[in-house]
N, C-alpha and C. Protein backbone atom coordinates (compact mmCIF):
# COMPACT_ATOMS: atom_id res chain seq x y z
N UNK A 1 163.60 47.63 128.96
CA UNK A 1 162.14 47.12 129.15
C UNK A 1 161.03 48.29 129.82
N UNK A 2 161.78 48.39 130.98
CA UNK A 2 161.08 49.45 131.79
C UNK A 2 160.46 50.72 130.92
N UNK A 3 161.42 51.16 130.10
CA UNK A 3 161.12 52.46 129.36
C UNK A 3 160.01 52.23 128.49
N UNK A 4 160.16 50.93 127.68
CA UNK A 4 159.10 50.34 126.89
C UNK A 4 157.65 50.45 127.66
N UNK A 5 157.59 49.94 128.68
CA UNK A 5 156.41 49.97 129.41
C UNK A 5 155.82 51.48 129.76
N UNK A 6 156.83 52.11 130.09
CA UNK A 6 156.47 53.51 130.45
C UNK A 6 155.72 54.18 129.22
N UNK A 7 156.28 53.98 128.02
CA UNK A 7 155.91 54.35 126.73
C UNK A 7 154.69 53.94 126.42
N UNK A 8 154.43 52.60 126.61
CA UNK A 8 153.27 52.16 126.42
C UNK A 8 152.10 52.59 127.35
N UNK A 9 152.30 52.99 128.58
CA UNK A 9 151.54 53.63 129.53
C UNK A 9 151.03 54.78 128.95
N UNK A 10 152.13 55.69 128.69
CA UNK A 10 151.78 56.93 128.06
C UNK A 10 151.01 57.09 126.89
N UNK A 11 151.30 55.93 125.71
CA UNK A 11 150.52 56.15 124.37
C UNK A 11 149.02 55.63 124.74
N UNK A 12 148.77 54.84 125.67
CA UNK A 12 147.43 54.23 125.93
C UNK A 12 146.76 54.81 126.91
N UNK A 13 147.10 55.91 127.56
CA UNK A 13 146.67 56.62 128.81
C UNK A 13 145.09 56.62 128.39
N UNK A 14 144.73 57.09 127.50
CA UNK A 14 143.23 57.44 127.32
C UNK A 14 142.65 56.14 127.11
N UNK A 15 143.03 54.99 126.97
CA UNK A 15 142.44 53.63 126.89
C UNK A 15 142.30 53.01 128.22
N UNK A 16 143.36 53.19 129.26
CA UNK A 16 143.54 52.40 130.03
C UNK A 16 143.55 53.12 131.52
N UNK A 17 143.47 52.68 132.44
CA UNK A 17 143.42 53.29 133.85
C UNK A 17 144.54 52.79 134.71
N UNK A 18 145.37 53.62 135.17
CA UNK A 18 146.42 53.20 135.88
C UNK A 18 146.01 53.49 137.45
N UNK A 19 146.53 52.61 138.44
CA UNK A 19 146.21 52.72 139.76
C UNK A 19 147.48 52.05 140.36
N UNK A 20 148.10 52.90 141.27
CA UNK A 20 149.20 52.37 142.28
C UNK A 20 150.26 51.80 141.19
N UNK A 21 150.56 52.37 140.26
CA UNK A 21 151.68 51.87 139.48
C UNK A 21 151.49 50.74 138.46
N UNK A 22 150.16 50.35 138.55
CA UNK A 22 149.95 48.88 137.65
C UNK A 22 148.42 49.29 136.95
N UNK A 23 148.41 48.47 135.97
CA UNK A 23 147.00 48.46 135.27
C UNK A 23 146.08 47.50 136.05
N UNK A 24 144.88 48.41 136.20
CA UNK A 24 143.74 47.43 136.61
C UNK A 24 142.32 47.79 136.32
N UNK A 25 142.44 48.25 134.88
CA UNK A 25 141.20 48.76 134.07
C UNK A 25 140.56 48.00 133.00
N UNK A 26 140.56 48.37 132.08
CA UNK A 26 139.71 47.90 130.84
C UNK A 26 140.26 46.62 130.24
N UNK A 27 140.11 45.47 130.89
CA UNK A 27 140.31 44.34 130.65
C UNK A 27 139.16 43.69 129.83
N UNK A 28 139.51 42.46 128.97
CA UNK A 28 138.27 41.84 128.57
C UNK A 28 138.38 40.33 129.35
N UNK A 29 137.66 39.81 129.67
CA UNK A 29 137.57 38.38 130.06
C UNK A 29 137.01 37.29 129.10
N UNK A 30 137.89 36.45 129.14
CA UNK A 30 137.72 35.50 127.82
C UNK A 30 137.78 34.07 128.45
N UNK A 31 137.28 32.96 127.89
CA UNK A 31 137.41 31.72 128.56
C UNK A 31 137.99 30.67 127.33
N UNK A 32 138.48 29.74 127.42
CA UNK A 32 138.72 28.79 126.54
C UNK A 32 137.44 28.13 125.97
N UNK A 33 136.49 28.30 126.44
CA UNK A 33 135.13 27.83 125.97
C UNK A 33 134.81 28.76 124.85
N UNK A 34 135.31 29.90 125.14
CA UNK A 34 135.15 30.84 123.62
C UNK A 34 135.94 30.43 122.44
N UNK A 35 136.78 29.67 122.76
CA UNK A 35 137.44 29.32 121.52
C UNK A 35 136.95 28.12 120.84
N UNK A 36 136.93 28.39 119.33
CA UNK A 36 136.53 27.29 118.56
C UNK A 36 137.30 26.03 118.43
N UNK A 37 136.33 25.00 118.81
CA UNK A 37 136.91 23.67 118.32
C UNK A 37 137.83 22.98 119.64
N UNK A 38 137.94 23.42 120.74
CA UNK A 38 138.33 23.12 122.06
C UNK A 38 138.12 23.27 123.27
N UNK A 39 138.22 22.46 124.02
CA UNK A 39 137.68 22.80 125.54
C UNK A 39 138.83 22.52 126.50
N UNK A 40 139.32 23.48 127.07
CA UNK A 40 140.40 23.17 128.06
C UNK A 40 139.97 23.69 129.31
N UNK A 41 138.99 23.17 129.71
CA UNK A 41 138.30 23.22 131.15
C UNK A 41 137.74 24.69 131.38
N UNK A 42 137.74 25.59 130.24
CA UNK A 42 137.05 26.68 130.56
C UNK A 42 138.13 27.86 131.39
N UNK A 43 139.28 27.72 131.55
CA UNK A 43 140.05 28.51 132.17
C UNK A 43 139.83 29.76 131.88
N UNK A 44 139.87 30.70 132.64
CA UNK A 44 139.59 32.16 132.30
C UNK A 44 140.84 33.13 132.34
N UNK A 45 140.74 34.06 131.22
CA UNK A 45 142.02 34.76 131.07
C UNK A 45 141.62 35.98 130.72
N UNK A 46 142.57 37.17 131.05
CA UNK A 46 142.08 38.48 130.79
C UNK A 46 143.19 39.31 129.82
N UNK A 47 142.74 40.22 128.91
CA UNK A 47 143.73 40.78 128.10
C UNK A 47 143.13 41.90 127.81
N UNK A 48 143.97 43.19 127.43
CA UNK A 48 143.06 44.17 126.88
C UNK A 48 142.33 43.71 125.67
N UNK A 49 141.41 44.43 125.20
CA UNK A 49 140.39 43.81 124.20
C UNK A 49 141.28 43.39 122.83
N UNK A 50 142.04 44.57 122.24
CA UNK A 50 142.88 44.25 121.16
C UNK A 50 143.82 43.10 121.19
N UNK A 51 144.42 42.80 122.32
CA UNK A 51 145.09 41.65 122.47
C UNK A 51 144.45 40.48 122.60
N UNK A 52 143.22 40.46 123.25
CA UNK A 52 142.32 39.41 123.44
C UNK A 52 141.78 39.04 122.02
N UNK A 53 141.26 40.16 121.20
CA UNK A 53 140.91 39.85 119.88
C UNK A 53 142.03 39.02 118.99
N UNK A 54 143.21 39.75 119.17
CA UNK A 54 144.43 38.89 118.33
C UNK A 54 144.57 37.55 118.78
N UNK A 55 144.73 37.27 120.18
CA UNK A 55 144.88 35.98 120.57
C UNK A 55 144.01 34.89 119.91
N UNK A 56 142.55 35.61 119.78
CA UNK A 56 141.37 34.64 119.42
C UNK A 56 141.83 34.38 117.89
N UNK A 57 141.96 35.42 117.11
CA UNK A 57 142.41 35.02 115.85
C UNK A 57 143.69 34.00 115.71
N UNK A 58 144.70 34.27 116.28
CA UNK A 58 145.78 33.56 116.37
C UNK A 58 145.57 32.26 116.92
N UNK A 59 144.86 31.91 117.80
CA UNK A 59 144.49 30.63 118.27
C UNK A 59 143.72 29.71 117.24
N UNK A 60 142.85 30.57 116.41
CA UNK A 60 142.07 29.95 115.30
C UNK A 60 143.11 29.44 114.17
N UNK A 61 143.93 30.41 113.92
CA UNK A 61 144.99 30.10 112.83
C UNK A 61 145.74 28.82 113.19
N UNK A 62 146.23 28.92 114.45
CA UNK A 62 147.13 27.84 114.85
C UNK A 62 146.70 26.34 114.67
N UNK A 63 145.24 26.60 115.34
CA UNK A 63 144.45 25.30 115.42
C UNK A 63 144.31 24.69 113.61
N UNK A 64 144.08 25.56 112.81
CA UNK A 64 143.91 25.15 111.60
C UNK A 64 145.18 24.35 110.97
N UNK A 65 146.44 24.86 111.38
CA UNK A 65 147.43 24.29 111.25
C UNK A 65 148.09 23.15 112.32
N UNK A 66 147.01 22.73 113.14
CA UNK A 66 147.22 21.51 114.13
C UNK A 66 148.05 21.98 115.26
N UNK A 67 148.30 23.21 115.65
CA UNK A 67 148.88 23.57 116.76
C UNK A 67 147.95 24.43 117.84
N UNK A 68 147.96 23.70 119.06
CA UNK A 68 147.26 24.25 120.04
C UNK A 68 147.96 25.37 120.95
N UNK A 69 147.62 26.35 121.17
CA UNK A 69 148.26 27.65 121.79
C UNK A 69 147.54 27.75 123.02
N UNK A 70 148.03 26.72 124.29
CA UNK A 70 147.17 26.73 125.36
C UNK A 70 147.93 27.72 126.57
N UNK A 71 147.04 28.75 126.79
CA UNK A 71 147.71 29.72 127.68
C UNK A 71 147.87 29.25 129.16
N UNK A 72 148.98 29.63 129.86
CA UNK A 72 149.23 29.22 131.19
C UNK A 72 148.70 30.44 131.95
N UNK A 73 149.16 31.76 131.44
CA UNK A 73 149.13 32.92 131.96
C UNK A 73 148.69 34.19 131.13
N UNK A 74 147.93 35.01 131.44
CA UNK A 74 147.79 36.12 130.56
C UNK A 74 147.89 37.26 131.93
N UNK A 75 147.03 38.20 132.07
CA UNK A 75 146.78 39.31 132.94
C UNK A 75 146.88 38.57 134.30
N UNK A 76 147.96 39.41 135.23
CA UNK A 76 147.96 39.04 136.57
C UNK A 76 148.22 40.34 137.12
N UNK A 77 147.49 40.59 138.57
CA UNK A 77 147.80 41.92 139.15
C UNK A 77 148.89 42.28 139.61
N UNK A 78 149.25 43.44 140.16
CA UNK A 78 150.46 43.64 141.14
C UNK A 78 150.74 42.45 142.09
N UNK A 79 149.68 42.23 143.00
CA UNK A 79 150.03 41.32 144.03
C UNK A 79 150.65 39.79 143.55
N UNK A 80 149.77 39.56 142.62
CA UNK A 80 150.32 38.11 141.95
C UNK A 80 151.56 38.26 141.53
N UNK A 81 151.94 39.16 140.74
CA UNK A 81 153.23 39.52 140.18
C UNK A 81 154.24 39.62 141.33
N UNK A 82 153.99 40.30 142.46
CA UNK A 82 154.96 40.36 143.63
C UNK A 82 155.12 39.13 144.18
N UNK A 83 154.30 38.11 144.37
CA UNK A 83 154.26 36.72 144.83
C UNK A 83 155.14 35.98 144.12
N UNK A 84 154.79 36.08 142.63
CA UNK A 84 155.97 35.31 141.71
C UNK A 84 157.19 35.56 141.75
N UNK A 85 157.13 37.00 141.62
CA UNK A 85 158.80 37.57 141.92
C UNK A 85 159.45 37.33 143.09
N UNK A 86 158.64 37.08 144.00
CA UNK A 86 159.41 36.59 145.49
C UNK A 86 159.87 35.11 145.33
N UNK A 87 158.82 34.63 144.48
CA UNK A 87 159.02 32.96 144.36
C UNK A 87 160.25 32.81 143.68
N UNK A 88 160.36 33.29 142.36
CA UNK A 88 161.31 33.15 141.20
C UNK A 88 161.80 34.32 140.67
N UNK A 89 162.77 35.06 141.50
CA UNK A 89 163.13 36.38 141.11
C UNK A 89 164.21 36.30 139.95
N UNK A 90 164.50 35.36 139.39
CA UNK A 90 165.44 35.05 138.33
C UNK A 90 164.63 35.05 137.07
N UNK A 91 163.25 34.58 137.14
CA UNK A 91 162.49 34.54 136.01
C UNK A 91 161.55 35.45 135.89
N UNK A 92 160.82 35.84 137.02
CA UNK A 92 159.71 36.84 136.96
C UNK A 92 160.22 38.25 137.04
N UNK A 93 159.43 39.07 135.90
CA UNK A 93 159.74 40.49 136.20
C UNK A 93 159.37 40.96 137.73
N UNK A 94 160.28 42.14 137.95
CA UNK A 94 159.71 42.78 139.31
C UNK A 94 158.42 43.31 139.19
N UNK A 95 157.73 43.32 140.34
CA UNK A 95 156.27 44.03 140.29
C UNK A 95 156.16 45.36 140.14
N UNK A 96 155.44 45.82 138.94
CA UNK A 96 155.41 46.94 138.34
C UNK A 96 156.11 47.36 137.12
N UNK A 97 156.70 46.08 136.56
CA UNK A 97 157.34 46.28 135.40
C UNK A 97 157.07 45.04 134.36
N UNK A 98 155.94 44.12 134.96
CA UNK A 98 155.45 43.19 133.73
C UNK A 98 154.35 43.69 132.83
N UNK A 99 154.70 42.90 131.67
CA UNK A 99 153.66 43.34 130.57
C UNK A 99 152.41 42.59 131.07
N UNK A 100 152.43 41.60 131.81
CA UNK A 100 151.20 40.86 132.53
C UNK A 100 150.19 41.65 133.12
N UNK A 101 150.94 42.76 133.75
CA UNK A 101 150.23 43.67 134.91
C UNK A 101 149.25 44.40 134.28
N UNK A 102 149.67 44.79 132.64
CA UNK A 102 148.81 45.93 132.01
C UNK A 102 148.08 44.96 130.79
N UNK A 103 147.95 43.34 131.03
CA UNK A 103 147.20 42.66 130.08
C UNK A 103 147.60 42.68 128.78
N UNK A 104 148.86 42.90 128.64
CA UNK A 104 149.52 42.70 127.31
C UNK A 104 150.59 41.54 127.04
N UNK A 105 150.45 40.59 127.81
CA UNK A 105 151.37 39.63 127.95
C UNK A 105 150.79 38.27 128.00
N UNK A 106 151.33 37.11 127.42
CA UNK A 106 150.93 35.98 127.46
C UNK A 106 152.01 34.83 127.71
N UNK A 107 151.96 33.92 128.70
CA UNK A 107 152.77 32.81 128.73
C UNK A 107 151.91 31.56 128.38
N UNK A 108 152.69 30.57 127.33
CA UNK A 108 152.10 29.75 126.59
C UNK A 108 152.71 28.35 127.19
N UNK A 109 151.49 27.23 127.32
CA UNK A 109 152.08 25.91 127.67
C UNK A 109 153.09 25.34 126.62
N UNK A 110 153.69 24.31 126.85
CA UNK A 110 154.52 23.90 125.78
C UNK A 110 154.04 22.73 125.20
N UNK A 111 152.83 23.06 124.52
CA UNK A 111 152.01 21.97 123.72
C UNK A 111 152.74 21.84 122.29
N UNK A 112 152.80 20.75 121.82
CA UNK A 112 153.81 20.41 120.58
C UNK A 112 153.40 21.33 119.45
N UNK A 113 154.64 22.00 119.27
CA UNK A 113 154.71 23.14 118.10
C UNK A 113 154.54 24.47 118.53
N UNK A 114 153.92 24.63 119.86
CA UNK A 114 153.23 25.82 119.91
C UNK A 114 154.41 26.93 120.10
N UNK A 115 155.22 26.86 120.83
CA UNK A 115 156.48 27.76 120.90
C UNK A 115 157.20 27.98 119.51
N UNK A 116 157.31 27.02 118.69
CA UNK A 116 158.00 27.09 117.32
C UNK A 116 156.87 28.17 116.41
N UNK A 117 155.61 27.61 116.64
CA UNK A 117 154.67 28.44 115.79
C UNK A 117 154.73 29.72 115.99
N UNK A 118 154.37 30.18 117.31
CA UNK A 118 154.70 31.57 117.83
C UNK A 118 155.71 32.29 117.39
N UNK A 119 157.03 31.48 117.34
CA UNK A 119 158.24 32.35 117.04
C UNK A 119 157.98 32.63 115.44
N UNK A 120 157.49 31.76 114.40
CA UNK A 120 157.21 31.89 113.33
C UNK A 120 156.21 32.68 112.89
N UNK A 121 155.04 32.64 113.59
CA UNK A 121 153.87 33.40 113.15
C UNK A 121 153.36 34.60 114.07
N UNK A 122 153.87 34.49 115.44
CA UNK A 122 153.33 35.32 116.29
C UNK A 122 153.09 36.94 115.88
N UNK A 123 154.38 37.40 115.18
CA UNK A 123 154.06 38.64 114.64
C UNK A 123 153.21 38.90 113.54
N UNK A 124 152.78 38.18 112.82
CA UNK A 124 151.67 38.07 112.06
C UNK A 124 150.59 38.67 112.68
N UNK A 125 150.29 38.60 113.89
CA UNK A 125 149.00 38.77 114.69
C UNK A 125 149.59 39.92 115.76
N UNK A 126 150.62 40.44 115.87
CA UNK A 126 151.18 41.45 116.71
C UNK A 126 151.65 41.14 117.93
N UNK A 127 152.25 40.06 118.06
CA UNK A 127 152.89 39.37 119.16
C UNK A 127 154.30 39.05 119.04
N UNK A 128 154.92 39.32 120.05
CA UNK A 128 156.29 39.16 119.85
C UNK A 128 157.00 38.64 121.08
N UNK A 129 158.48 38.03 120.86
CA UNK A 129 158.92 37.12 121.89
C UNK A 129 160.21 38.24 122.40
N UNK A 130 159.88 38.93 123.41
CA UNK A 130 160.98 40.08 123.88
C UNK A 130 162.20 39.51 124.48
N UNK A 131 162.05 38.30 125.07
CA UNK A 131 163.24 37.46 125.86
C UNK A 131 163.98 36.08 124.96
N UNK A 132 164.84 36.29 124.36
CA UNK A 132 165.16 35.00 123.72
C UNK A 132 165.05 33.67 124.74
N UNK A 133 165.47 33.67 125.94
CA UNK A 133 165.64 32.75 126.98
C UNK A 133 164.37 32.42 127.54
N UNK A 134 163.14 33.05 126.96
CA UNK A 134 161.74 32.59 127.54
C UNK A 134 160.90 32.38 126.24
N UNK A 135 160.81 31.04 125.76
CA UNK A 135 160.19 30.80 124.47
C UNK A 135 158.76 30.71 124.78
N UNK A 136 158.13 30.60 126.02
CA UNK A 136 156.82 30.83 126.39
C UNK A 136 156.34 32.05 126.58
N UNK A 137 156.87 32.98 126.85
CA UNK A 137 156.54 34.42 126.84
C UNK A 137 156.34 35.23 125.38
N UNK A 138 155.05 35.93 125.36
CA UNK A 138 155.00 36.72 124.50
C UNK A 138 154.18 37.93 124.80
N UNK A 139 154.54 38.93 124.01
CA UNK A 139 153.79 40.44 124.41
C UNK A 139 153.08 40.90 123.05
N UNK A 140 152.19 41.65 123.48
CA UNK A 140 151.21 42.09 122.18
C UNK A 140 151.77 43.45 122.08
N UNK A 141 151.96 43.77 120.97
CA UNK A 141 152.46 45.13 120.14
C UNK A 141 151.32 45.63 119.30
N UNK A 142 150.64 44.60 118.67
CA UNK A 142 149.83 44.98 117.54
C UNK A 142 150.36 45.44 116.62
N UNK A 143 149.71 46.48 115.86
CA UNK A 143 150.49 47.29 114.73
C UNK A 143 150.93 48.38 115.14
N UNK A 144 150.98 49.09 116.38
CA UNK A 144 151.25 50.41 116.63
C UNK A 144 152.78 50.70 116.12
N UNK A 145 152.63 51.55 115.08
CA UNK A 145 154.11 51.81 114.68
C UNK A 145 155.12 52.46 115.82
N UNK A 146 154.58 53.11 116.77
CA UNK A 146 155.31 53.79 117.87
C UNK A 146 156.18 52.79 118.56
N UNK A 147 155.49 51.60 118.57
CA UNK A 147 156.19 50.44 119.48
C UNK A 147 157.06 49.49 118.50
N UNK A 148 157.23 49.68 117.19
CA UNK A 148 158.00 48.83 116.38
C UNK A 148 159.10 48.70 116.81
N UNK A 149 160.02 49.59 117.34
CA UNK A 149 161.33 49.53 117.80
C UNK A 149 161.34 48.26 118.86
N UNK A 150 160.69 48.10 119.47
CA UNK A 150 160.60 46.97 120.64
C UNK A 150 160.83 45.61 119.89
N UNK A 151 160.52 45.53 118.61
CA UNK A 151 160.38 44.18 117.97
C UNK A 151 161.91 44.00 117.85
N UNK A 152 162.84 44.99 117.56
CA UNK A 152 164.13 44.68 117.30
C UNK A 152 165.16 45.13 118.63
N UNK A 153 165.81 44.04 118.97
CA UNK A 153 166.53 44.63 120.24
C UNK A 153 166.02 44.57 121.76
N UNK A 154 164.97 44.99 121.82
CA UNK A 154 164.25 45.11 123.08
C UNK A 154 164.82 45.87 123.88
């Protein structure tokens, strides 16, 4: 996975800024108030623009099918990842290696049908689940053919 993140960094170097080994640049802030038909207390989230746009489209599609894709986490910086890793080293990625740090990962709440819907439909929107033992965690690869290998075998 570390290689995949390095490849992603190199592929998108013109679109993002890297600092001290982690992403801290071009993120889009969006809130659940921006999402049609639902109010989840306006929690703020950040993703890169392509991932945020895809999430909004995916959220609307899931809502039409009666499924709420509520986010627990999206972007988190190096220091937050470091604290999370210290607290849960068997679950959280080591700081500097998480797709959350570059705005390309989401963790979903276990609302009824959310994980199952994402497993079945997430790839239609460019999201995939890289870790079979983490049904809440999805990463955005969009339609980048250079990253298609990540969808098989991780």
